Amino acid sequence: MRKLTRAEWEELDEQMSRTPPEPDSEGVPGEHLKLIALLNRFGFNPMSKQESMRLAKELLDESPISENGNLT
């Protein structure tokens, strides 16, 4: 799995802060779909809300790559 750039990591972190922890929990409707769309834009293809949450957490646990290609 490829690492995210710093900008992608920050955008994903911001979206995760708005996404309820459970796909069927109360909260702002559509945030899980926005998460899936964001991951798709980054080249990942989660097939469910649950998979998108798992994938996003894995990506955020990894250090992003800086704009010059080095790990930050």
C-alpha atoms as a PDB file:
ATOM      1  CA  MET A   1       0.000   0.000   0.000  1.00  0.00           C
ATOM      2  CA  ARG A   2       1.411   3.380  -0.952  1.00  0.00           C
ATOM      3  CA  LYS A   3       1.998   6.094   1.621  1.00  0.00           C
ATOM      4  CA  LEU A   4       0.042   9.324   1.539  1.00  0.00           C
ATOM      5  CA  THR A   5       1.628  12.683   0.893  1.00  0.00           C
ATOM      6  CA  ARG A   6       1.518  15.175   3.763  1.00  0.00           C
ATOM      7  CA  ALA A   7      -1.349  17.062   2.049  1.00  0.00           C
ATOM      8  CA  GLU A   8      -3.348  13.842   1.491  1.00  0.00           C
ATOM      9  CA  TRP A   9      -2.715  12.736   5.079  1.00  0.00           C
ATOM     10  CA  GLU A  10      -3.966  16.065   6.431  1.00  0.00           C
ATOM     11  CA  GLU A  11      -7.064  15.966   4.210  1.00  0.00           C
ATOM     12  CA  LEU A  12      -7.838  12.394   5.307  1.00  0.00           C
ATOM     13  CA  ASP A  13      -7.275  13.289   8.971  1.00  0.00           C
ATOM     14  CA  GLU A  14      -9.709  16.201   8.646  1.00  0.00           C
ATOM     15  CA  GLN A  15     -12.364  13.987   7.019  1.00  0.00           C
ATOM     16  CA  MET A  16     -11.923  11.294   9.677  1.00  0.00           C
ATOM     17  CA  SER A  17     -12.553  13.898  12.385  1.00  0.00           C
ATOM     18  CA  ARG A  18     -15.993  14.526  10.816  1.00  0.00           C
ATOM     19  CA  THR A  19     -16.826  10.847  10.183  1.00  0.00           C
ATOM     20  CA  PRO A  20     -18.725   8.984  12.935  1.00  0.00           C
ATOM     21  CA  PRO A  21     -16.792   5.981  14.312  1.00  0.00           C
ATOM     22  CA  GLU A  22     -19.500   3.495  13.337  1.00  0.00           C
ATOM     23  CA  PRO A  23     -21.029   3.539   9.845  1.00  0.00           C
ATOM     24  CA  ASP A  24     -24.577   3.186  11.141  1.00  0.00           C
ATOM     25  CA  SER A  25     -24.231   5.545  14.113  1.00  0.00           C
ATOM     26  CA  GLU A  26     -25.889   8.898  14.501  1.00  0.00           C
ATOM     27  CA  GLY A  27     -24.095  11.857  13.017  1.00  0.00           C
ATOM     28  CA  VAL A  28     -23.953  13.942   9.914  1.00  0.00           C
ATOM     29  CA  PRO A  29     -25.345  11.877   7.028  1.00  0.00           C
ATOM     30  CA  GLY A  30     -23.016  11.199   4.153  1.00  0.00           C
ATOM     31  CA  GLU A  31     -19.671  11.553   5.937  1.00  0.00           C
ATOM     32  CA  HIS A  32     -18.797   7.889   5.296  1.00  0.00           C
ATOM     33  CA  LEU A  33     -19.573   8.368   1.613  1.00  0.00           C
ATOM     34  CA  LYS A  34     -17.304  11.432   1.561  1.00  0.00           C
ATOM     35  CA  LEU A  35     -14.590   9.292   3.150  1.00  0.00           C
ATOM     36  CA  ILE A  36     -15.009   6.621   0.470  1.00  0.00           C
ATOM     37  CA  ALA A  37     -14.870   9.279  -2.278  1.00  0.00           C
ATOM     38  CA  LEU A  38     -11.710  10.771  -0.782  1.00  0.00           C
ATOM     39  CA  LEU A  39     -10.011   7.380  -0.593  1.00  0.00           C
ATOM     40  CA  ASN A  40     -11.047   6.697  -4.202  1.00  0.00           C
ATOM     41  CA  ARG A  41      -9.488  10.012  -5.248  1.00  0.00           C
ATOM     42  CA  PHE A  42      -6.248   8.924  -3.553  1.00  0.00           C
ATOM     43  CA  GLY A  43      -6.268   5.684  -5.580  1.00  0.00           C
ATOM     44  CA  PHE A  44      -7.732   3.305  -2.989  1.00  0.00           C
ATOM     45  CA  ASN A  45     -10.975   1.417  -3.568  1.00  0.00           C
ATOM     46  CA  PRO A  46     -12.801   0.530  -0.347  1.00  0.00           C
ATOM     47  CA  MET A  47     -15.900  -1.541  -1.068  1.00  0.00           C
ATOM     48  CA  SER A  48     -17.853  -0.661   2.087  1.00  0.00           C
ATOM     49  CA  LYS A  49     -18.150   1.939   4.821  1.00  0.00           C
ATOM     50  CA  GLN A  50     -16.490  -0.465   7.253  1.00  0.00           C
ATOM     51  CA  GLU A  51     -13.575  -1.060   4.878  1.00  0.00           C
ATOM     52  CA  SER A  52     -13.154   2.679   4.334  1.00  0.00           C
ATOM     53  CA  MET A  53     -12.870   3.237   8.100  1.00  0.00           C
ATOM     54  CA  ARG A  54     -10.323   0.432   8.483  1.00  0.00           C
ATOM     55  CA  LEU A  55      -8.263   1.649   5.523  1.00  0.00           C
ATOM     56  CA  ALA A  56      -8.333   5.283   6.658  1.00  0.00           C
ATOM     57  CA  LYS A  57      -7.127   4.302  10.143  1.00  0.00           C
ATOM     58  CA  GLU A  58      -4.277   2.249   8.647  1.00  0.00           C
ATOM     59  CA  LEU A  59      -3.236   5.128   6.383  1.00  0.00           C
ATOM     60  CA  LEU A  60      -3.334   7.653   9.224  1.00  0.00           C
ATOM     61  CA  ASP A  61      -1.225   5.359  11.411  1.00  0.00           C
ATOM     62  CA  GLU A  62       1.538   5.539   8.787  1.00  0.00           C
ATOM     63  CA  SER A  63       3.853   8.533   8.504  1.00  0.00           C
ATOM     64  CA  PRO A  64       3.070  10.594   5.402  1.00  0.00           C
ATOM     65  CA  ILE A  65       5.625  11.360   2.706  1.00  0.00           C
ATOM     66  CA  SER A  66       6.743  14.974   2.514  1.00  0.00           C
ATOM     67  CA  GLU A  67       6.479  16.917  -0.708  1.00  0.00           C
ATOM     68  CA  ASN A  68      10.150  16.147  -1.489  1.00  0.00           C
ATOM     69  CA  GLY A  69       9.555  12.387  -1.208  1.00  0.00           C
ATOM     70  CA  ASN A  70      11.026  11.792   2.248  1.00  0.00           C
ATOM     71  CA  LEU A  71       9.152  10.379   5.211  1.00  0.00           C
ATOM     72  CA  THR A  72       8.097  13.048   7.682  1.00  0.00           C
END
